[in-house]
């Protein structure tokens, strides 16, 4: 699936959230809404894998809107309107769970993310935004 966003991992450690890009850059300051939502999850330690996106008026991820909200190509502004679609849970409550089956990890992820409308969401409505990447 292609979500038209930036791949990120949200690292939670006892109330502190860090948002790390695929390239290893700390972009916590660039996604304040995602950071705040992560802090409210109520878990001691976790790593969520997903994609940061900005939705258009029809609820579809729009990469141009994401880039513009960050200040354009190479911009350094925060994207307060960005949300995260979390699709995997890699670390949970002090345990590396990557060796568990994906269905089990998603079960834990779903139990952690109950709000479908917050800044961190489990999945995106089918057909509203995703497309098969070429």
N, C-alpha and C. Protein backbone atom coordinates (compact mmCIF):
# COMPACT_ATOMS: atom_id res chain seq x y z
N UNK A 1 0.83 -1.18 0.00
CA UNK A 1 0.00 0.00 0.00
C UNK A 1 0.88 1.25 0.00
N UNK A 2 0.42 2.27 -0.66
CA UNK A 2 1.10 3.56 -0.68
C UNK A 2 0.18 4.57 -0.01
N UNK A 3 0.68 5.21 1.04
CA UNK A 3 -0.15 6.13 1.81
C UNK A 3 0.11 7.60 1.49
N UNK A 4 1.09 7.92 0.66
CA UNK A 4 1.43 9.30 0.31
C UNK A 4 1.80 10.12 1.54
N UNK A 5 2.73 9.58 2.32
CA UNK A 5 3.22 10.29 3.50
C UNK A 5 4.66 9.95 3.77
N UNK A 6 5.08 10.19 5.02
CA UNK A 6 6.43 9.86 5.46
C UNK A 6 6.36 8.69 6.43
N UNK A 7 7.19 7.70 6.21
CA UNK A 7 7.27 6.55 7.12
C UNK A 7 7.91 7.02 8.42
N UNK A 8 7.26 6.71 9.53
CA UNK A 8 7.77 7.10 10.84
C UNK A 8 7.60 5.96 11.83
N UNK A 9 8.38 6.02 12.89
CA UNK A 9 8.22 5.13 14.03
C UNK A 9 8.06 6.02 15.26
N UNK A 10 7.03 5.77 16.03
CA UNK A 10 6.80 6.51 17.27
C UNK A 10 7.34 5.66 18.41
N UNK A 11 8.32 6.20 19.12
CA UNK A 11 8.95 5.53 20.25
C UNK A 11 8.40 6.14 21.54
N UNK A 12 7.79 5.32 22.36
CA UNK A 12 7.25 5.77 23.65
C UNK A 12 8.08 5.18 24.77
N UNK A 13 8.43 6.04 25.73
CA UNK A 13 9.18 5.56 26.88
C UNK A 13 8.74 6.35 28.11
N UNK A 14 7.82 5.77 28.85
CA UNK A 14 7.34 6.34 30.11
C UNK A 14 6.94 7.81 29.98
N UNK A 15 6.03 8.09 29.07
CA UNK A 15 5.49 9.43 28.91
C UNK A 15 6.25 10.33 27.96
N UNK A 16 7.38 9.87 27.45
CA UNK A 16 8.15 10.65 26.48
C UNK A 16 7.97 10.00 25.11
N UNK A 17 7.60 10.81 24.13
CA UNK A 17 7.40 10.30 22.77
C UNK A 17 8.45 10.91 21.85
N UNK A 18 9.02 10.06 21.00
CA UNK A 18 9.94 10.51 19.95
C UNK A 18 9.43 9.97 18.63
N UNK A 19 9.50 10.79 17.59
CA UNK A 19 9.07 10.39 16.25
C UNK A 19 10.30 10.35 15.37
N UNK A 20 10.62 9.16 14.88
CA UNK A 20 11.85 8.92 14.13
C UNK A 20 11.49 8.55 12.69
N UNK A 21 12.18 9.19 11.73
CA UNK A 21 11.95 8.89 10.31
C UNK A 21 12.69 7.62 9.92
N UNK A 22 12.39 7.14 8.72
CA UNK A 22 13.07 5.96 8.19
C UNK A 22 14.58 6.20 8.11
N UNK A 23 14.97 7.45 7.85
CA UNK A 23 16.39 7.80 7.77
C UNK A 23 17.05 8.02 9.12
N UNK A 24 16.29 7.85 10.21
CA UNK A 24 16.85 7.97 11.55
C UNK A 24 16.83 9.38 12.13
N UNK A 25 16.13 10.30 11.48
CA UNK A 25 16.05 11.68 11.98
C UNK A 25 14.92 11.81 13.01
N UNK A 26 15.18 12.58 14.04
CA UNK A 26 14.17 12.84 15.06
C UNK A 26 13.29 13.99 14.59
N UNK A 27 12.05 13.68 14.24
CA UNK A 27 11.10 14.68 13.75
C UNK A 27 9.98 14.92 14.75
N UNK A 28 10.23 14.67 16.01
CA UNK A 28 9.20 14.85 17.02
C UNK A 28 8.62 16.26 16.96
N UNK A 29 9.48 17.25 16.83
CA UNK A 29 9.05 18.65 16.81
C UNK A 29 8.23 18.99 15.56
N UNK A 30 8.32 18.15 14.53
CA UNK A 30 7.60 18.43 13.28
C UNK A 30 6.19 17.86 13.27
N UNK A 31 5.89 16.95 14.19
CA UNK A 31 4.56 16.33 14.26
C UNK A 31 4.00 16.44 15.68
N UNK A 32 3.70 17.66 16.14
CA UNK A 32 3.26 17.83 17.53
C UNK A 32 1.95 17.14 17.86
N UNK A 33 1.03 17.07 16.92
CA UNK A 33 -0.24 16.38 17.19
C UNK A 33 -0.05 14.89 17.40
N UNK A 34 0.82 14.29 16.61
CA UNK A 34 1.12 12.86 16.77
C UNK A 34 1.85 12.63 18.09
N UNK A 35 2.79 13.51 18.41
CA UNK A 35 3.51 13.40 19.69
C UNK A 35 2.53 13.45 20.86
N UNK A 36 1.63 14.42 20.87
CA UNK A 36 0.67 14.55 21.96
C UNK A 36 -0.23 13.32 22.07
N UNK A 37 -0.70 12.82 20.93
CA UNK A 37 -1.56 11.63 20.94
C UNK A 37 -0.80 10.42 21.48
N UNK A 38 0.46 10.30 21.12
CA UNK A 38 1.27 9.17 21.59
C UNK A 38 1.43 9.21 23.10
N UNK A 39 1.65 10.39 23.64
CA UNK A 39 1.82 10.53 25.09
C UNK A 39 0.56 10.12 25.85
N UNK A 40 -0.59 10.24 25.21
CA UNK A 40 -1.86 9.91 25.87
C UNK A 40 -2.26 8.45 25.73
N UNK A 41 -1.44 7.64 25.10
CA UNK A 41 -1.82 6.24 24.88
C UNK A 41 -1.85 5.41 26.16
N UNK A 42 -1.17 5.86 27.19
CA UNK A 42 -1.23 5.17 28.47
C UNK A 42 -0.43 3.88 28.53
N UNK A 43 0.67 3.82 27.80
CA UNK A 43 1.53 2.65 27.83
C UNK A 43 2.93 3.09 28.24
N UNK A 44 3.63 2.24 28.98
CA UNK A 44 4.97 2.59 29.43
C UNK A 44 5.96 2.68 28.28
N UNK A 45 6.08 1.59 27.53
CA UNK A 45 7.02 1.55 26.41
C UNK A 45 6.35 0.91 25.20
N UNK A 46 6.65 1.49 24.03
CA UNK A 46 6.11 0.94 22.78
C UNK A 46 6.82 1.58 21.60
N UNK A 47 6.84 0.87 20.48
CA UNK A 47 7.27 1.43 19.20
C UNK A 47 6.19 1.09 18.19
N UNK A 48 5.58 2.14 17.63
CA UNK A 48 4.55 1.99 16.60
C UNK A 48 5.16 2.34 15.25
N UNK A 49 4.90 1.53 14.25
CA UNK A 49 5.39 1.74 12.89
C UNK A 49 4.22 2.22 12.05
N UNK A 50 4.45 3.25 11.25
CA UNK A 50 3.36 3.74 10.43
C UNK A 50 3.77 4.84 9.48
N UNK A 51 2.78 5.62 9.07
CA UNK A 51 2.98 6.66 8.07
C UNK A 51 2.31 7.95 8.54
N UNK A 52 3.07 9.05 8.47
CA UNK A 52 2.52 10.38 8.77
C UNK A 52 1.94 10.94 7.49
N UNK A 53 0.70 11.41 7.56
CA UNK A 53 0.01 11.94 6.38
C UNK A 53 -0.77 13.19 6.77
N UNK A 54 -1.13 13.96 5.76
CA UNK A 54 -2.11 15.04 5.90
C UNK A 54 -3.24 14.70 4.94
N UNK A 55 -4.46 14.76 5.45
CA UNK A 55 -5.62 14.38 4.64
C UNK A 55 -6.17 15.58 3.87
N UNK A 56 -6.68 15.29 2.68
CA UNK A 56 -7.36 16.33 1.91
C UNK A 56 -8.81 16.44 2.37
N UNK A 57 -9.58 17.26 1.69
CA UNK A 57 -10.97 17.51 2.08
C UNK A 57 -11.85 16.26 2.00
N UNK A 58 -11.43 15.28 1.22
CA UNK A 58 -12.21 14.04 1.08
C UNK A 58 -11.67 12.91 1.94
N UNK A 59 -10.71 13.22 2.82
CA UNK A 59 -10.18 12.22 3.72
C UNK A 59 -9.09 11.35 3.12
N UNK A 60 -8.50 11.79 2.02
CA UNK A 60 -7.43 11.03 1.38
C UNK A 60 -6.08 11.66 1.69
N UNK A 61 -5.06 10.84 1.95
CA UNK A 61 -3.73 11.41 2.15
C UNK A 61 -3.28 12.18 0.92
N UNK A 62 -2.68 13.34 1.17
CA UNK A 62 -2.21 14.21 0.09
C UNK A 62 -0.77 14.60 0.40
N UNK A 63 0.18 14.04 -0.37
CA UNK A 63 1.59 14.28 -0.11
C UNK A 63 1.95 15.75 -0.28
N UNK A 64 1.36 16.41 -1.25
CA UNK A 64 1.61 17.84 -1.45
C UNK A 64 1.20 18.65 -0.23
N UNK A 65 0.05 18.32 0.35
CA UNK A 65 -0.41 19.02 1.55
C UNK A 65 0.53 18.75 2.72
N UNK A 66 1.04 17.52 2.82
CA UNK A 66 2.00 17.20 3.87
C UNK A 66 3.26 18.03 3.71
N UNK A 67 3.81 18.06 2.51
CA UNK A 67 5.02 18.86 2.27
C UNK A 67 4.77 20.34 2.53
N UNK A 68 3.64 20.85 2.06
CA UNK A 68 3.33 22.26 2.30
C UNK A 68 3.19 22.57 3.78
N UNK A 69 2.58 21.66 4.53
CA UNK A 69 2.39 21.90 5.95
C UNK A 69 3.72 21.88 6.70
N UNK A 70 4.72 21.21 6.13
CA UNK A 70 6.06 21.18 6.73
C UNK A 70 6.93 22.33 6.23
N UNK A 71 6.40 23.16 5.35
CA UNK A 71 7.15 24.30 4.85
C UNK A 71 7.75 24.08 3.49
N UNK A 72 7.23 23.13 2.73
CA UNK A 72 7.75 22.85 1.39
C UNK A 72 8.94 21.93 1.43
N UNK A 73 9.48 21.65 0.27
CA UNK A 73 10.62 20.73 0.15
C UNK A 73 11.79 21.28 0.97
N UNK A 74 12.28 20.47 1.88
CA UNK A 74 13.37 20.89 2.75
C UNK A 74 12.93 21.80 3.89
N UNK A 75 11.62 21.97 4.05
CA UNK A 75 11.09 22.85 5.09
C UNK A 75 11.33 22.31 6.49
N UNK A 76 11.23 23.19 7.45
CA UNK A 76 11.49 22.83 8.84
C UNK A 76 10.33 23.18 9.76
N UNK A 77 9.15 23.40 9.21
CA UNK A 77 8.00 23.78 10.02
C UNK A 77 7.32 22.56 10.61
N UNK A 78 6.60 22.72 11.73
CA UNK A 78 5.82 21.61 12.26
C UNK A 78 4.53 21.43 11.46
N UNK A 79 4.12 20.19 11.32
CA UNK A 79 2.86 19.87 10.62
C UNK A 79 1.84 19.46 11.67
N UNK A 80 1.21 20.46 12.28
CA UNK A 80 0.25 20.20 13.34
C UNK A 80 -0.99 19.47 12.87
N UNK A 81 -1.26 19.48 11.57
CA UNK A 81 -2.45 18.81 11.04
C UNK A 81 -2.15 17.39 10.56
N UNK A 82 -0.94 16.92 10.74
CA UNK A 82 -0.59 15.56 10.32
C UNK A 82 -1.16 14.53 11.29
N UNK A 83 -1.50 13.38 10.74
CA UNK A 83 -1.92 12.24 11.56
C UNK A 83 -1.04 11.05 11.19
N UNK A 84 -1.09 10.02 12.00
CA UNK A 84 -0.33 8.81 11.74
C UNK A 84 -1.29 7.65 11.54
N UNK A 85 -1.06 6.90 10.46
CA UNK A 85 -1.72 5.61 10.30
C UNK A 85 -0.73 4.56 10.79
N UNK A 86 -1.01 3.96 11.95
CA UNK A 86 -0.14 2.95 12.53
C UNK A 86 -0.54 1.59 11.98
N UNK A 87 0.42 0.88 11.42
CA UNK A 87 0.10 -0.44 10.87
C UNK A 87 0.85 -1.57 11.53
N UNK A 88 1.73 -1.27 12.48
CA UNK A 88 2.43 -2.35 13.18
C UNK A 88 2.89 -1.86 14.54
N UNK A 89 3.03 -2.79 15.45
CA UNK A 89 3.55 -2.54 16.79
C UNK A 89 4.77 -3.42 16.95
N UNK A 90 5.95 -2.81 17.14
CA UNK A 90 7.21 -3.55 17.15
C UNK A 90 7.71 -3.85 18.56
N UNK A 91 7.35 -3.01 19.50
CA UNK A 91 7.82 -3.12 20.87
C UNK A 91 6.66 -2.73 21.76
N UNK A 92 6.42 -3.51 22.83
CA UNK A 92 5.25 -3.24 23.65
C UNK A 92 5.50 -3.64 25.09
N UNK A 93 5.30 -2.70 26.00
CA UNK A 93 5.36 -2.96 27.43
C UNK A 93 6.66 -3.67 27.83
N UNK A 94 7.78 -3.17 27.30
CA UNK A 94 9.08 -3.71 27.67
C UNK A 94 9.54 -4.91 26.89
N UNK A 95 8.81 -5.30 25.85
CA UNK A 95 9.16 -6.51 25.10
C UNK A 95 9.26 -6.24 23.60
N UNK A 96 10.33 -6.74 22.99
CA UNK A 96 10.47 -6.71 21.54
C UNK A 96 9.54 -7.80 21.00
N UNK A 97 8.51 -7.41 20.25
CA UNK A 97 7.52 -8.39 19.79
C UNK A 97 7.59 -8.64 18.29
N UNK A 98 8.69 -8.20 17.67
CA UNK A 98 8.81 -8.38 16.22
C UNK A 98 8.79 -9.84 15.79
N UNK A 99 9.16 -10.76 16.67
CA UNK A 99 9.15 -12.18 16.30
C UNK A 99 7.75 -12.79 16.37
N UNK A 100 6.81 -12.08 16.96
CA UNK A 100 5.43 -12.57 17.01
C UNK A 100 4.79 -12.46 15.64
N UNK A 101 3.77 -13.25 15.40
CA UNK A 101 3.03 -13.16 14.13
C UNK A 101 2.38 -11.78 14.02
N UNK A 102 2.25 -11.32 12.79
CA UNK A 102 1.67 -10.00 12.53
C UNK A 102 0.26 -9.89 13.10
N UNK A 103 -0.52 -10.94 13.02
CA UNK A 103 -1.89 -10.88 13.55
C UNK A 103 -1.89 -10.63 15.05
N UNK A 104 -0.94 -11.21 15.76
CA UNK A 104 -0.84 -10.98 17.21
C UNK A 104 -0.41 -9.56 17.51
N UNK A 105 0.56 -9.05 16.75
CA UNK A 105 1.01 -7.67 16.95
C UNK A 105 -0.12 -6.69 16.65
N UNK A 106 -0.89 -6.98 15.62
CA UNK A 106 -2.01 -6.08 15.28
C UNK A 106 -3.10 -6.13 16.35
N UNK A 107 -3.27 -7.28 16.99
CA UNK A 107 -4.22 -7.37 18.09
C UNK A 107 -3.81 -6.41 19.21
N UNK A 108 -2.53 -6.42 19.57
CA UNK A 108 -2.03 -5.50 20.60
C UNK A 108 -2.18 -4.05 20.14
N UNK A 109 -1.89 -3.79 18.87
CA UNK A 109 -2.02 -2.44 18.32
C UNK A 109 -3.46 -1.96 18.41
N UNK A 110 -4.40 -2.81 18.04
CA UNK A 110 -5.82 -2.45 18.10
C UNK A 110 -6.28 -2.20 19.52
N UNK A 111 -5.74 -2.96 20.47
CA UNK A 111 -6.12 -2.73 21.87
C UNK A 111 -5.55 -1.41 22.39
N UNK A 112 -4.44 -0.98 21.81
CA UNK A 112 -3.80 0.27 22.21
C UNK A 112 -4.48 1.48 21.57
N UNK A 113 -4.89 1.34 20.32
CA UNK A 113 -5.47 2.45 19.55
C UNK A 113 -6.96 2.23 19.34
N UNK A 114 -7.74 2.68 20.28
CA UNK A 114 -9.18 2.46 20.19
C UNK A 114 -9.90 3.60 19.47
N UNK A 115 -9.29 4.78 19.42
CA UNK A 115 -9.93 5.95 18.82
C UNK A 115 -9.65 5.99 17.32
N UNK A 116 -10.68 5.92 16.52
CA UNK A 116 -10.55 5.93 15.06
C UNK A 116 -10.35 7.34 14.51
N UNK A 117 -10.53 8.38 15.32
CA UNK A 117 -10.51 9.75 14.82
C UNK A 117 -9.35 10.58 15.37
N UNK A 118 -8.48 10.02 16.16
CA UNK A 118 -7.40 10.80 16.75
C UNK A 118 -6.24 11.02 15.79
N UNK A 119 -5.16 11.57 16.33
CA UNK A 119 -3.97 11.85 15.53
C UNK A 119 -3.17 10.59 15.23
N UNK A 120 -3.44 9.51 15.96
CA UNK A 120 -2.84 8.20 15.64
C UNK A 120 -4.00 7.23 15.43
N UNK A 121 -4.04 6.65 14.25
CA UNK A 121 -5.15 5.76 13.89
C UNK A 121 -4.60 4.41 13.45
N UNK A 122 -5.38 3.37 13.68
CA UNK A 122 -4.97 2.01 13.33
C UNK A 122 -4.89 1.79 11.84
N UNK A 123 -5.84 2.31 11.13
CA UNK A 123 -5.93 2.00 9.71
C UNK A 123 -6.70 3.11 9.04
N UNK A 124 -6.71 3.06 7.74
CA UNK A 124 -7.45 4.05 6.98
C UNK A 124 -8.65 3.37 6.35
N UNK A 125 -9.78 4.06 6.24
CA UNK A 125 -10.95 3.45 5.60
C UNK A 125 -10.62 2.96 4.19
N UNK A 126 -10.99 1.75 3.89
CA UNK A 126 -10.72 1.14 2.59
C UNK A 126 -11.30 2.01 1.48
N UNK A 127 -10.48 2.24 0.47
CA UNK A 127 -10.92 2.97 -0.70
C UNK A 127 -10.86 4.48 -0.57
N UNK A 128 -10.72 5.01 0.64
CA UNK A 128 -10.72 6.46 0.79
C UNK A 128 -9.38 7.07 0.44
N UNK A 129 -8.29 6.31 0.62
CA UNK A 129 -7.02 6.98 0.43
C UNK A 129 -5.91 6.14 -0.14
N UNK A 130 -5.95 4.87 0.02
CA UNK A 130 -4.79 4.09 -0.37
C UNK A 130 -4.89 3.64 -1.82
N UNK A 131 -3.74 3.41 -2.37
CA UNK A 131 -3.67 2.89 -3.72
C UNK A 131 -2.52 1.91 -3.77
N UNK A 132 -2.57 1.00 -4.66
CA UNK A 132 -1.49 0.03 -4.80
C UNK A 132 -0.31 0.74 -5.45
N UNK A 133 0.83 0.67 -4.80
CA UNK A 133 2.03 1.32 -5.34
C UNK A 133 2.54 0.56 -6.55
N UNK A 134 3.02 1.30 -7.56
CA UNK A 134 3.53 0.63 -8.76
C UNK A 134 4.83 -0.10 -8.48
